[in-house]
C-alpha atoms as a PDB file:
ATOM      1  CA  MET A   1     -10.647 -14.513   1.947  1.00  0.00           C
ATOM      2  CA  MET A   2      -6.789 -13.988   1.240  1.00  0.00           C
ATOM      3  CA  ASP A   3      -5.852 -16.947   0.835  1.00  0.00           C
ATOM      4  CA  SER A   4      -7.343 -16.824  -2.745  1.00  0.00           C
ATOM      5  CA  MET A   5      -5.698 -13.440  -3.943  1.00  0.00           C
ATOM      6  CA  GLU A   6      -2.701 -13.297  -5.822  1.00  0.00           C
ATOM      7  CA  TRP A   7       0.366 -12.110  -4.363  1.00  0.00           C
ATOM      8  CA  LEU A   8       2.194  -8.881  -5.618  1.00  0.00           C
ATOM      9  CA  PRO A   9       6.502  -9.226  -5.846  1.00  0.00           C
ATOM     10  CA  GLN A  10       7.507  -6.585  -2.973  1.00  0.00           C
ATOM     11  CA  THR A  11      10.161  -3.804  -3.622  1.00  0.00           C
ATOM     12  CA  LYS A  12      13.814  -3.946  -1.397  1.00  0.00           C
ATOM     13  CA  ALA A  13      13.871  -1.100  -0.090  1.00  0.00           C
ATOM     14  CA  CYS A  14      10.706   0.348   0.164  1.00  0.00           C
ATOM     15  CA  PHE A  15       9.546   1.270   4.316  1.00  0.00           C
ATOM     16  CA  GLY A  16       6.216  -0.008   3.247  1.00  0.00           C
ATOM     17  CA  CYS A  17       6.817  -2.816   1.714  1.00  0.00           C
ATOM     18  CA  GLY A  18      10.841  -3.538   1.294  1.00  0.00           C
ATOM     19  CA  HIS A  19      11.686  -6.929   1.861  1.00  0.00           C
ATOM     20  CA  GLY A  20      15.153  -5.995   1.851  1.00  0.00           C
ATOM     21  CA  ASN A  21      14.524  -3.337   5.120  1.00  0.00           C
ATOM     22  CA  PRO A  22      15.084  -4.552   8.476  1.00  0.00           C
ATOM     23  CA  ALA A  23      13.462  -1.124   9.794  1.00  0.00           C
ATOM     24  CA  GLY A  24      10.280  -0.884   7.569  1.00  0.00           C
ATOM     25  CA  VAL A  25       6.883  -2.723   7.908  1.00  0.00           C
ATOM     26  CA  ALA A  26       7.559  -5.150   5.067  1.00  0.00           C
ATOM     27  CA  LEU A  27       3.607  -5.487   3.850  1.00  0.00           C
ATOM     28  CA  ARG A  28       2.955  -8.200   1.727  1.00  0.00           C
ATOM     29  CA  MET A  29       0.185  -7.368  -0.888  1.00  0.00           C
ATOM     30  CA  LYS A  30      -2.215  -9.366  -2.445  1.00  0.00           C
ATOM     31  CA  THR A  31      -4.991  -8.655  -4.615  1.00  0.00           C
ATOM     32  CA  ASP A  32      -8.501  -9.914  -5.958  1.00  0.00           C
ATOM     33  CA  GLY A  33      -8.747  -7.151  -8.352  1.00  0.00           C
ATOM     34  CA  LYS A  34     -10.931  -4.854  -6.777  1.00  0.00           C
ATOM     35  CA  ALA A  35      -7.941  -3.624  -3.942  1.00  0.00           C
ATOM     36  CA  ILE A  36      -4.780  -4.387  -2.632  1.00  0.00           C
ATOM     37  CA  HIS A  37      -4.971  -6.301   0.944  1.00  0.00           C
ATOM     38  CA  ALA A  38      -2.543  -7.184   3.087  1.00  0.00           C
ATOM     39  CA  GLU A  39      -2.188  -8.367   6.910  1.00  0.00           C
ATOM     40  CA  TRP A  40       0.245  -7.080   9.079  1.00  0.00           C
ATOM     41  CA  VAL A  41       1.316  -7.466  12.958  1.00  0.00           C
ATOM     42  CA  PRO A  42       2.757  -4.340  14.219  1.00  0.00           C
ATOM     43  CA  GLU A  43       5.618  -5.370  16.622  1.00  0.00           C
ATOM     44  CA  VAL A  44       6.636  -2.693  19.804  1.00  0.00           C
ATOM     45  CA  ARG A  45       9.670  -0.870  17.245  1.00  0.00           C
ATOM     46  CA  HIS A  46       6.770   0.338  15.867  1.00  0.00           C
ATOM     47  CA  ALA A  47       5.494   1.781  19.043  1.00  0.00           C
ATOM     48  CA  GLY A  48       4.968   5.408  20.224  1.00  0.00           C
ATOM     49  CA  PHE A  49       4.633   4.803  23.452  1.00  0.00           C
ATOM     50  CA  SER A  50       4.886   1.217  24.370  1.00  0.00           C
ATOM     51  CA  HIS A  51       1.140   0.346  23.807  1.00  0.00           C
ATOM     52  CA  ALA A  52       0.497   2.219  21.302  1.00  0.00           C
ATOM     53  CA  VAL A  53       1.794   2.073  17.391  1.00  0.00           C
ATOM     54  CA  HIS A  54       3.260   5.349  16.531  1.00  0.00           C
ATOM     55  CA  GLY A  55       0.900   7.120  14.033  1.00  0.00           C
ATOM     56  CA  GLY A  56       3.752   7.718  11.773  1.00  0.00           C
ATOM     57  CA  VAL A  57       3.899   4.362  11.223  1.00  0.00           C
ATOM     58  CA  ILE A  58      -0.039   3.689  10.671  1.00  0.00           C
ATOM     59  CA  THR A  59       0.343   7.192   8.480  1.00  0.00           C
ATOM     60  CA  THR A  60       3.157   5.522   6.678  1.00  0.00           C
ATOM     61  CA  VAL A  61       0.896   1.755   6.141  1.00  0.00           C
ATOM     62  CA  LEU A  62      -1.889   3.463   4.785  1.00  0.00           C
ATOM     63  CA  ASP A  63       0.320   5.802   2.129  1.00  0.00           C
ATOM     64  CA  ALA A  64       1.878   1.593   1.178  1.00  0.00           C
ATOM     65  CA  MET A  65      -1.881   0.767   0.720  1.00  0.00           C
ATOM     66  CA  MET A  66      -2.693   3.163  -1.383  1.00  0.00           C
ATOM     67  CA  ALA A  67       0.786   3.698  -3.720  1.00  0.00           C
ATOM     68  CA  TRP A  68      -0.437  -0.325  -4.180  1.00  0.00           C
ATOM     69  CA  ALA A  69      -3.564   0.330  -5.185  1.00  0.00           C
ATOM     70  CA  CYS A  70      -2.688   3.289  -7.919  1.00  0.00           C
ATOM     71  CA  GLY A  71       0.147   1.131  -9.172  1.00  0.00           C
ATOM     72  CA  ILE A  72      -1.523  -1.794  -9.358  1.00  0.00           C
ATOM     73  CA  LEU A  73      -4.898  -0.768 -10.213  1.00  0.00           C
ATOM     74  CA  GLY A  74      -4.473   2.301 -11.600  1.00  0.00           C
ATOM     75  CA  GLY A  75      -1.856   1.406 -13.955  1.00  0.00           C
ATOM     76  CA  HIS A  76       0.974   3.540 -12.114  1.00  0.00           C
ATOM     77  CA  PHE A  77       2.633   3.643  -8.825  1.00  0.00           C
ATOM     78  CA  ALA A  78       2.937   7.177  -7.546  1.00  0.00           C
ATOM     79  CA  TYR A  79       3.526   9.105  -4.897  1.00  0.00           C
ATOM     80  CA  SER A  80       1.029  10.619  -2.661  1.00  0.00           C
ATOM     81  CA  VAL A  81       0.912  14.910  -2.744  1.00  0.00           C
ATOM     82  CA  ASP A  82      -1.626  15.250  -0.515  1.00  0.00           C
ATOM     83  CA  MET A  83      -3.520  12.791   3.108  1.00  0.00           C
ATOM     84  CA  GLN A  84      -6.144  12.919   5.002  1.00  0.00           C
ATOM     85  CA  ILE A  85      -5.727  10.393   7.999  1.00  0.00           C
ATOM     86  CA  ARG A  86      -8.674   9.008  11.052  1.00  0.00           C
ATOM     87  CA  PHE A  87      -7.140   7.756  13.507  1.00  0.00           C
ATOM     88  CA  ARG A  88     -10.154   5.807  15.257  1.00  0.00           C
ATOM     89  CA  ARG A  89      -8.447   3.914  17.940  1.00  0.00           C
ATOM     90  CA  VAL A  90      -5.393   3.399  19.433  1.00  0.00           C
ATOM     91  CA  LEU A  91      -3.682   0.079  17.708  1.00  0.00           C
ATOM     92  CA  THR A  92      -1.569  -1.988  19.943  1.00  0.00           C
ATOM     93  CA  PRO A  93       1.591  -3.890  19.286  1.00  0.00           C
ATOM     94  CA  GLY A  94       0.980  -7.610  18.107  1.00  0.00           C
ATOM     95  CA  GLN A  95      -3.133  -6.869  16.809  1.00  0.00           C
ATOM     96  CA  LYS A  96      -3.398  -8.483  13.951  1.00  0.00           C
ATOM     97  CA  VAL A  97      -3.939  -5.552  11.174  1.00  0.00           C
ATOM     98  CA  HIS A  98      -6.334  -6.212   8.183  1.00  0.00           C
ATOM     99  CA  CYS A  99      -5.100  -3.168   5.573  1.00  0.00           C
ATOM    100  CA  VAL A 100      -7.260  -2.706   2.494  1.00  0.00           C
ATOM    101  CA  GLY A 101      -5.987  -0.161   0.053  1.00  0.00           C
ATOM    102  CA  ARG A 102      -8.440   1.539  -2.851  1.00  0.00           C
ATOM    103  CA  LEU A 103      -8.071   3.537  -5.577  1.00  0.00           C
ATOM    104  CA  ASP A 104     -10.935   5.764  -5.711  1.00  0.00           C
ATOM    105  CA  GLU A 105     -10.438   7.436  -9.136  1.00  0.00           C
ATOM    106  CA  ASN A 106      -8.206   7.797 -11.933  1.00  0.00           C
ATOM    107  CA  ARG A 107      -8.180  11.374 -13.791  1.00  0.00           C
ATOM    108  CA  ARG A 108      -6.539  10.077 -16.571  1.00  0.00           C
ATOM    109  CA  GLY A 109      -3.235   8.181 -15.311  1.00  0.00           C
ATOM    110  CA  LYS A 110      -2.062  12.251 -14.533  1.00  0.00           C
ATOM    111  CA  LEU A 111      -4.009  12.490 -10.805  1.00  0.00           C
ATOM    112  CA  PHE A 112      -5.518   9.602  -8.874  1.00  0.00           C
ATOM    113  CA  LEU A 113      -7.813   9.803  -5.291  1.00  0.00           C
ATOM    114  CA  ALA A 114      -7.174   6.011  -3.067  1.00  0.00           C
ATOM    115  CA  SER A 115      -8.210   5.143  -0.056  1.00  0.00           C
ATOM    116  CA  ALA A 116      -7.597   2.721   2.856  1.00  0.00           C
ATOM    117  CA  GLU A 117      -8.296   1.231   5.871  1.00  0.00           C
ATOM    118  CA  LEU A 118      -6.247  -0.783   8.270  1.00  0.00           C
ATOM    119  CA  LYS A 119      -8.769  -2.700  10.433  1.00  0.00           C
ATOM    120  CA  VAL A 120      -8.276  -5.228  13.383  1.00  0.00           C
ATOM    121  CA  GLU A 121     -10.966  -8.225  14.232  1.00  0.00           C
ATOM    122  CA  GLY A 122     -13.389  -6.026  12.054  1.00  0.00           C
ATOM    123  CA  ASP A 123     -13.067  -2.557  13.139  1.00  0.00           C
ATOM    124  CA  CYS A 124     -11.986   0.381  11.601  1.00  0.00           C
ATOM    125  CA  VAL A 125      -7.957   1.063  13.380  1.00  0.00           C
ATOM    126  CA  ALA A 126      -7.138   3.764  11.282  1.00  0.00           C
ATOM    127  CA  SER A 127      -8.304   5.118   7.557  1.00  0.00           C
ATOM    128  CA  GLY A 128      -6.684   7.509   5.129  1.00  0.00           C
ATOM    129  CA  SER A 129      -7.548   8.975   1.624  1.00  0.00           C
ATOM    130  CA  ALA A 130      -4.992  10.951  -0.757  1.00  0.00           C
ATOM    131  CA  LYS A 131      -4.276  12.211  -4.280  1.00  0.00           C
ATOM    132  CA  PHE A 132      -1.274  10.936  -5.877  1.00  0.00           C
ATOM    133  CA  PHE A 133       0.671  11.973  -8.909  1.00  0.00           C
ATOM    134  CA  PRO A 134       2.502   9.048 -11.096  1.00  0.00           C
ATOM    135  CA  ILE A 135       5.902   8.851 -10.444  1.00  0.00           C
ATOM    136  CA  LYS A 136       7.800   9.391 -14.192  1.00  0.00           C
ATOM    137  CA  GLY A 137      11.118   9.624 -15.161  1.00  0.00           C
ATOM    138  CA  ASP A 138      14.093   9.116 -14.039  1.00  0.00           C
ATOM    139  CA  ALA A 139      12.301   8.080 -10.952  1.00  0.00           C
ATOM    140  CA  ARG A 140      10.210   5.685 -12.902  1.00  0.00           C
ATOM    141  CA  ALA A 141      13.663   3.476 -13.544  1.00  0.00           C
ATOM    142  CA  MET A 142      15.027   3.721 -10.107  1.00  0.00           C
ATOM    143  CA  LEU A 143      11.442   2.510  -8.841  1.00  0.00           C
ATOM    144  CA  GLN A 144      12.092  -0.589 -11.746  1.00  0.00           C
ATOM    145  CA  SER A 145      15.573  -0.962  -9.663  1.00  0.00           C
ATOM    146  CA  GLU A 146      13.659  -1.206  -6.692  1.00  0.00           C
ATOM    147  CA  PHE A 147      11.790  -4.275  -8.340  1.00  0.00           C
ATOM    148  CA  GLY A 148      14.724  -5.940  -9.927  1.00  0.00           C
ATOM    149  CA  ASP A 149      14.160  -9.025 -11.414  1.00  0.00           C
ATOM    150  CA  GLN A 150      10.150  -9.010 -10.465  1.00  0.00           C
ATOM    151  CA  TRP A 151       9.345  -5.850 -12.584  1.00  0.00           C
ATOM    152  CA  GLU A 152       8.055  -7.893 -15.708  1.00  0.00           C
ATOM    153  CA  THR A 153       5.874  -9.402 -12.701  1.00  0.00           C
ATOM    154  CA  VAL A 154       4.380  -5.908 -11.586  1.00  0.00           C
ATOM    155  CA  ASN A 155       3.990  -4.995 -15.195  1.00  0.00           C
ATOM    156  CA  GLU A 156       1.827  -8.514 -16.130  1.00  0.00           C
ATOM    157  CA  ALA A 157      -0.055  -7.359 -13.131  1.00  0.00           C
ATOM    158  CA  MET A 158      -0.757  -3.958 -13.929  1.00  0.00           C
ATOM    159  CA  GLU A 159      -2.448  -5.113 -17.243  1.00  0.00           C
ATOM    160  CA  ARG A 160      -4.297  -7.673 -15.873  1.00  0.00           C
ATOM    161  CA  TYR A 161      -5.905  -5.391 -13.023  1.00  0.00           C
ATOM    162  CA  GLY A 162      -4.927  -2.086 -14.300  1.00  0.00           C
ATOM    163  CA  PRO A 163      -7.409   0.550 -16.374  1.00  0.00           C
ATOM    164  CA  SER A 164      -6.399  -1.123 -19.527  1.00  0.00           C
ATOM    165  CA  ARG A 165      -8.834  -4.109 -18.192  1.00  0.00           C
ATOM    166  CA  HIS A 166     -12.183  -1.480 -17.884  1.00  0.00           C
ATOM    167  CA  SER A 167     -11.800  -0.354 -21.793  1.00  0.00           C
END
């Protein structure tokens, strides 16, 4: 299923999706136009205890998936302002995780409601939902610089999959 989806650009420095951040998780996102998808294999360096991926890292992955759903499907990258996370079982380093982020509601580009889940072999290991406010002003210009020469590709994806396609 992931093979037929469109790859999305990565930022440079983001802990969740940055290709230039050696400390991060370097998620590589794809979309089918309905949700954002990524495959992730957590490493031992992502563990809290040696046998368990740290809950903060899991939360970061969920947050990144939801933020990308707001950005591509909602037309505005956004900051999370309120988040609920549910850990269902221990995630062990080395397990292949399928990550899915969805835009549940777009309130006229002023507030987004999103959700995400992480699954291992079809079983949900963690899920979350959050409220997001769109990035504006100087922060938006800084976000554009994070994508560098890929910003136009990001805009094209937002136009192709974002709210204007529902008008």
